[in-house]
Structures are given as structure tokens and as C-alpha cells.
N, C-alpha and C. Protein backbone atom coordinates (compact mmCIF):
# COMPACT_ATOMS: atom_id res chain seq x y z
N LEU A 1 80.65 93.12 83.56
CA LEU A 1 80.82 93.35 85.11
C LEU A 1 79.93 93.96 85.91
N SER A 2 79.38 95.35 85.20
CA SER A 2 78.19 95.88 85.76
C SER A 2 77.04 95.38 85.75
N LYS A 3 76.79 94.34 84.94
CA LYS A 3 75.47 93.65 85.09
C LYS A 3 75.61 92.69 85.70
N ARG A 4 76.40 92.06 86.14
CA ARG A 4 76.80 90.84 87.60
C ARG A 4 76.86 91.38 88.75
N THR A 5 77.13 92.86 88.87
CA THR A 5 77.89 93.23 90.05
C THR A 5 76.43 94.01 90.58
N MET A 6 75.67 94.88 90.03
CA MET A 6 74.90 95.58 90.44
C MET A 6 73.68 95.29 90.19
N ALA A 7 72.51 95.71 91.07
CA ALA A 7 70.90 95.60 91.05
C ALA A 7 70.57 96.32 89.89
N PRO A 8 69.51 95.76 88.92
CA PRO A 8 69.03 95.91 88.06
C PRO A 8 68.37 97.77 87.74
N ASP A 9 67.91 98.01 89.24
CA ASP A 9 67.58 99.24 89.33
C ASP A 9 68.77 100.37 89.42
N ASP A 10 69.76 100.04 89.89
CA ASP A 10 71.01 100.61 90.14
C ASP A 10 71.73 100.86 88.51
N LEU A 11 71.71 99.43 87.82
CA LEU A 11 72.15 99.49 86.34
C LEU A 11 71.42 100.50 85.49
N ARG A 12 70.03 100.80 85.75
CA ARG A 12 69.13 101.31 85.07
C ARG A 12 69.42 103.38 85.47
N LYS A 13 70.10 103.22 86.76
CA LYS A 13 70.27 104.42 87.22
C LYS A 13 71.66 104.97 86.61
N VAL A 14 72.70 104.02 86.18
CA VAL A 14 74.01 104.37 85.62
C VAL A 14 73.66 104.63 84.33
N GLN A 15 72.72 104.03 83.54
CA GLN A 15 72.86 104.44 82.32
C GLN A 15 72.03 105.74 81.97
N THR A 16 71.26 106.30 82.88
CA THR A 16 70.32 107.47 82.92
C THR A 16 71.68 108.30 83.13
N MET A 17 72.38 108.16 84.29
CA MET A 17 73.37 109.29 84.59
C MET A 17 74.23 109.27 83.41
N LEU A 18 74.82 108.58 82.93
CA LEU A 18 75.48 108.70 81.46
C LEU A 18 75.01 108.98 80.19
N ILE A 19 73.52 108.93 80.16
CA ILE A 19 73.04 109.90 79.21
C ILE A 19 72.87 111.39 79.61
N ALA A 20 72.71 111.64 80.66
CA ALA A 20 72.62 112.96 81.09
C ALA A 20 73.97 113.68 81.25
N MET A 21 75.26 112.82 81.56
CA MET A 21 76.52 113.14 81.24
C MET A 21 76.60 113.62 79.80
N ARG A 22 76.23 112.85 79.01
CA ARG A 22 76.81 113.21 77.56
C ARG A 22 76.03 114.43 77.03
N ALA A 23 74.62 114.39 77.25
CA ALA A 23 73.76 115.72 77.10
C ALA A 23 74.39 116.85 77.60
N HIS A 24 74.77 116.97 79.05
CA HIS A 24 75.51 118.14 79.53
C HIS A 24 76.75 118.40 78.75
N LYS A 25 77.51 117.50 78.29
CA LYS A 25 78.97 117.69 77.43
C LYS A 25 78.70 117.95 76.29
N GLU A 26 77.67 117.81 75.94
CA GLU A 26 77.02 118.34 74.17
C GLU A 26 76.85 119.49 74.51
N LYS A 27 76.14 119.99 75.49
CA LYS A 27 75.89 121.55 75.53
C LYS A 27 76.90 122.24 76.37
N LYS A 28 77.93 121.76 76.69
CA LYS A 28 79.29 122.38 77.22
C LYS A 28 78.74 122.91 78.71
N ASP A 29 77.68 121.82 79.51
CA ASP A 29 77.51 122.59 80.63
C ASP A 29 78.27 121.95 81.71
N THR A 30 79.65 122.54 82.35
CA THR A 30 80.32 121.93 83.01
C THR A 30 79.72 121.45 84.48
N LYS A 31 79.06 122.29 85.17
CA LYS A 31 78.46 122.26 86.65
C LYS A 31 77.61 121.22 86.26
N PRO A 32 76.41 121.12 85.70
CA PRO A 32 75.51 119.85 85.57
C PRO A 32 76.26 118.49 85.16
N TYR A 33 77.13 118.76 84.31
CA TYR A 33 78.01 117.21 83.86
C TYR A 33 78.77 116.80 85.25
N LEU A 34 79.47 117.78 85.96
CA LEU A 34 80.01 117.26 87.04
C LEU A 34 79.23 116.74 88.50
N SER A 35 78.20 117.30 88.42
CA SER A 35 77.14 116.83 89.20
C SER A 35 76.70 115.60 88.90
N SER A 36 76.38 115.47 87.59
CA SER A 36 75.98 114.28 87.12
C SER A 36 77.26 112.98 87.55
N ALA A 37 78.34 113.34 86.97
CA ALA A 37 79.59 112.44 87.29
C ALA A 37 79.71 112.11 89.08
N LYS A 38 79.33 113.13 89.78
CA LYS A 38 79.27 112.85 91.33
C LYS A 38 78.25 111.89 91.65
N GLU A 39 77.12 112.02 91.27
CA GLU A 39 76.18 111.01 91.47
C GLU A 39 76.58 109.73 91.16
N LEU A 40 77.01 109.40 89.63
CA LEU A 40 77.62 108.36 89.13
C LEU A 40 78.45 107.56 90.11
N VAL A 41 79.56 108.59 90.61
CA VAL A 41 80.71 108.08 91.44
C VAL A 41 80.14 107.57 92.44
N MET A 42 79.59 108.16 93.24
CA MET A 42 78.91 107.90 94.73
C MET A 42 78.34 106.15 94.39
N LEU A 43 77.66 106.22 93.42
CA LEU A 43 76.99 104.90 92.96
C LEU A 43 77.90 103.84 92.76
N LEU A 44 78.68 104.24 92.01
CA LEU A 44 79.85 103.05 91.67
C LEU A 44 80.43 102.79 92.88
N ALA A 45 81.29 103.63 93.44
CA ALA A 45 81.72 103.52 94.62
C ALA A 45 81.32 102.57 95.81
N GLN A 46 79.93 102.92 95.98
CA GLN A 46 79.29 101.78 96.89
C GLN A 46 79.36 100.61 96.45
N TYR A 47 79.50 100.04 95.34
CA TYR A 47 79.53 98.70 94.77
C TYR A 47 81.14 98.45 94.73
N ASP A 48 82.19 99.29 94.48
CA ASP A 48 83.50 98.94 94.69
C ASP A 48 83.70 98.82 96.03
N ILE A 49 83.21 99.23 97.12
CA ILE A 49 83.71 99.66 98.40
C ILE A 49 83.23 98.20 98.97
N LYS A 50 82.09 97.62 98.65
CA LYS A 50 81.18 96.69 99.00
C LYS A 50 82.02 95.28 98.65
N SER A 51 82.63 95.34 97.39
CA SER A 51 83.31 94.34 96.91
C SER A 51 84.53 94.47 97.49
N ASP A 52 85.41 95.44 97.62
CA ASP A 52 86.73 95.41 98.69
C ASP A 52 86.45 94.63 99.97
N GLU A 53 85.33 95.14 100.56
CA GLU A 53 85.33 94.56 101.95
C GLU A 53 85.26 93.31 101.95
N ASP A 54 84.17 92.81 101.09
CA ASP A 54 83.95 91.37 100.86
C ASP A 54 85.03 90.54 100.72
N LYS A 55 85.97 91.05 99.97
CA LYS A 55 87.59 90.47 99.93
C LYS A 55 88.29 90.60 101.34
N ASN A 56 88.05 91.09 102.36
CA ASN A 56 88.69 91.67 103.33
C ASN A 56 89.79 92.52 103.33
N HIS A 57 89.41 93.75 102.46
CA HIS A 57 90.19 94.90 102.20
C HIS A 57 89.50 96.08 103.14
N ILE A 58 90.38 97.31 103.17
CA ILE A 58 89.73 98.19 103.68
C ILE A 58 88.96 99.09 102.80
N GLY A 59 88.73 98.80 101.64
CA GLY A 59 87.88 99.65 100.63
C GLY A 59 88.46 100.69 99.84
N ILE A 60 90.10 100.69 99.83
CA ILE A 60 90.53 101.84 99.25
C ILE A 60 91.52 101.23 98.02
N GLU A 61 91.76 99.88 97.94
CA GLU A 61 92.70 99.47 97.03
C GLU A 61 92.37 99.51 95.45
N THR A 62 91.14 98.78 95.41
CA THR A 62 90.53 99.09 94.03
C THR A 62 89.52 99.69 93.56
N SER A 63 89.20 99.76 92.40
CA SER A 63 87.78 100.48 92.02
C SER A 63 87.26 99.72 90.64
N LYS A 64 86.79 98.91 90.52
CA LYS A 64 86.77 98.02 89.30
C LYS A 64 85.85 98.65 88.53
N LEU A 65 84.46 99.35 89.02
CA LEU A 65 83.48 99.66 88.23
C LEU A 65 84.20 101.46 88.15
N LEU A 66 84.42 101.71 88.85
CA LEU A 66 84.92 103.29 88.56
C LEU A 66 86.11 103.15 87.40
N ASP A 67 87.04 102.14 87.66
CA ASP A 67 87.85 102.10 86.52
C ASP A 67 87.54 101.89 85.11
N LEU A 68 86.32 101.37 85.28
CA LEU A 68 85.56 101.21 83.84
C LEU A 68 84.87 102.48 83.21
N LEU A 69 84.91 103.43 84.27
CA LEU A 69 84.07 104.41 83.87
C LEU A 69 84.99 105.57 83.32
N TYR A 70 86.12 105.56 83.87
CA TYR A 70 87.23 106.84 83.34
C TYR A 70 87.69 106.88 81.74
N PRO A 71 87.70 105.68 81.12
CA PRO A 71 87.88 105.76 79.59
C PRO A 71 86.75 106.54 78.72
N LEU A 72 85.49 106.45 79.54
CA LEU A 72 84.45 107.18 78.87
C LEU A 72 84.58 108.47 79.23
N LEU A 73 85.29 109.14 79.90
CA LEU A 73 85.42 110.43 80.32
C LEU A 73 86.26 111.36 79.24
N PRO A 74 85.65 112.30 79.12
CA PRO A 74 86.43 113.56 78.34
C PRO A 74 87.60 113.95 79.05
N ASP A 75 88.83 114.04 78.51
CA ASP A 75 90.07 114.35 78.87
C ASP A 75 90.33 115.62 80.03
N ARG A 76 89.05 116.43 79.73
CA ARG A 76 89.32 117.53 80.49
C ARG A 76 88.52 117.58 81.89
N PHE A 77 87.91 116.55 81.87
CA PHE A 77 86.97 115.89 83.25
C PHE A 77 87.64 114.79 84.14
N CYS A 78 88.62 114.10 83.35
CA CYS A 78 88.92 112.70 84.16
C CYS A 78 89.69 113.05 85.09
N ASN A 79 90.75 113.86 85.34
CA ASN A 79 91.44 113.79 86.39
C ASN A 79 90.40 114.53 87.76
N GLN A 80 89.66 115.66 87.57
CA GLN A 80 88.84 115.90 88.26
C GLN A 80 87.79 114.76 88.98
N ILE A 81 86.96 114.11 88.08
CA ILE A 81 86.36 113.19 88.54
C ILE A 81 87.17 111.90 89.62
N LYS A 82 88.51 111.35 88.75
CA LYS A 82 88.83 110.78 89.94
C LYS A 82 89.45 110.99 90.85
N LYS A 83 89.83 112.24 90.90
CA LYS A 83 89.73 112.81 92.53
C LYS A 83 88.57 112.58 93.23
N MET A 84 87.81 112.89 92.70
CA MET A 84 86.21 112.77 93.30
C MET A 84 85.99 111.35 93.89
N ALA A 85 86.29 110.45 92.91
CA ALA A 85 86.31 109.26 93.24
C ALA A 85 86.87 108.66 94.54
N VAL A 86 88.03 109.12 94.38
CA VAL A 86 89.16 108.98 95.56
C VAL A 86 88.73 109.29 96.72
N ASN A 87 87.97 110.66 96.79
CA ASN A 87 87.57 110.92 98.06
C ASN A 87 86.09 110.45 98.32
N GLU A 88 85.37 110.11 97.67
CA GLU A 88 84.30 109.28 98.11
C GLU A 88 84.46 107.97 98.47
N LYS A 89 85.50 107.36 97.83
CA LYS A 89 85.70 105.95 98.42
C LYS A 89 86.27 105.87 99.73
N PHE A 90 87.16 107.19 99.91
CA PHE A 90 87.61 107.11 101.26
C PHE A 90 86.68 107.58 102.22
N LYS A 91 85.66 108.28 101.78
CA LYS A 91 84.85 108.68 102.75
C LYS A 91 84.00 107.63 103.46
N MET A 92 83.54 106.65 102.28
CA MET A 92 82.67 105.44 102.40
C MET A 92 83.47 104.19 103.03
N SER A 93 84.80 104.50 103.32
CA SER A 93 85.29 103.08 103.91
C SER A 93 85.55 102.88 105.24
N ARG A 94 85.81 101.56 105.54
CA ARG A 94 85.98 101.26 107.00
C ARG A 94 87.03 102.24 107.39
N PHE A 95 88.43 102.46 106.85
CA PHE A 95 89.58 103.00 107.13
C PHE A 95 89.15 104.60 107.57
N SER A 96 88.39 105.08 106.92
CA SER A 96 87.59 106.54 107.25
C SER A 96 87.03 106.52 108.44
N SER A 97 86.10 105.34 108.68
CA SER A 97 85.35 105.43 109.90
C SER A 97 86.33 105.38 111.19
N GLU A 98 87.03 104.43 111.03
CA GLU A 98 88.14 104.28 112.22
C GLU A 98 88.91 105.45 112.30
N CYS A 99 89.40 106.15 111.47
CA CYS A 99 90.01 107.48 111.41
C CYS A 99 89.20 108.60 112.20
N LYS A 100 88.07 108.35 111.70
CA LYS A 100 86.93 109.52 112.23
C LYS A 100 86.78 109.22 113.93
N ALA A 101 86.83 108.01 114.24
CA ALA A 101 86.51 107.65 115.46
C ALA A 101 87.80 107.95 116.38
N LYS A 102 89.08 107.65 116.09
CA LYS A 102 90.27 107.93 116.74
C LYS A 102 90.93 109.23 116.51
N MET A 103 90.53 110.08 115.56
CA MET A 103 91.07 111.55 115.39
C MET A 103 90.21 112.56 115.86
N SER A 104 90.99 113.75 116.24
CA SER A 104 89.88 115.11 116.63
C SER A 104 89.30 115.28 115.17
N PRO A 105 88.07 115.75 115.29
CA PRO A 105 87.47 116.45 114.31
C PRO A 105 88.36 117.21 113.28
N ASP A 106 89.06 118.31 113.81
CA ASP A 106 89.87 119.02 112.97
C ASP A 106 90.73 118.05 112.01
N ASP A 107 91.62 117.14 112.51
CA ASP A 107 92.22 116.32 112.04
C ASP A 107 91.67 115.37 110.89
N TYR A 108 90.55 114.84 111.50
CA TYR A 108 89.64 114.06 110.57
C TYR A 108 89.32 114.97 109.15
N VAL A 109 88.89 116.31 109.35
CA VAL A 109 88.55 117.19 108.33
C VAL A 109 89.95 117.12 107.28
N MET A 110 90.83 117.52 107.90
CA MET A 110 92.26 117.90 107.24
C MET A 110 92.25 116.96 106.39
N ILE A 111 92.34 115.37 106.86
CA ILE A 111 92.78 114.25 105.88
C ILE A 111 91.74 114.33 104.85
N CYS A 112 90.26 114.44 105.09
CA CYS A 112 89.51 114.43 104.24
C CYS A 112 89.52 115.50 103.07
N GLU A 113 89.97 116.57 103.45
CA GLU A 113 90.35 117.61 102.38
C GLU A 113 91.63 117.60 101.38
N SER A 114 92.36 116.66 102.16
CA SER A 114 93.72 116.63 101.56
C SER A 114 93.66 115.77 100.01
């Protein structure tokens, strides 16, 4: 799926990020591991959002590439990275843009942080 969906440069970035995550995990470097995971989540979320919007969704319902990532994650990081992914997909979605346009800044920040 990733080879069919992603640009070759982005696919190489994914491979590089996965290798970096593995190295950080082996060294038990939590902060760099989560930083690499966030970069990866942001990249994969862009493709998932585009796929959802191409199908006339608001960009929240599905996570094809992100769903493929989760089984590769260690149990101790999985929930944290899933939460990160949900937040990133929301921020990138059309729904988020519509909320931002129609809500007060304080209300928008509140829903982004929940």
C-alpha cells in the first residue's frame, strides 16, 4: 500500500524514520524515539488525509497507512503514538479548519488539546 500511495522520496523518508526509531528503541532513548515517531506520523497522516478527502470524507474516519504502523510499535509507545496520530489527523483535516473558522480561539484550542 505504501509503495502505491506514497511518492518515492516520502517512502525513503519513512524507511529512514523507521530505522531511526529502531535505533532509538535499542538505545532506550524515549525522547528521540517519540520525536522520530511524530515525524513519521505527520508524514503518514498527510497521505491518509488526502486519501480520505479524495473519497469525500472529512479526513478523520480512516487511517490506512497509520494503521499499518501501529503493529510495528512497541506496546509501551503504541497508545501514546496513536493519540499523537489522532491529534495530527484532526489538525490537518477540513473539519479542523472549519472549527477554527467558526469557533473562538479559546474554544478551538480547547478541542485541540482534548
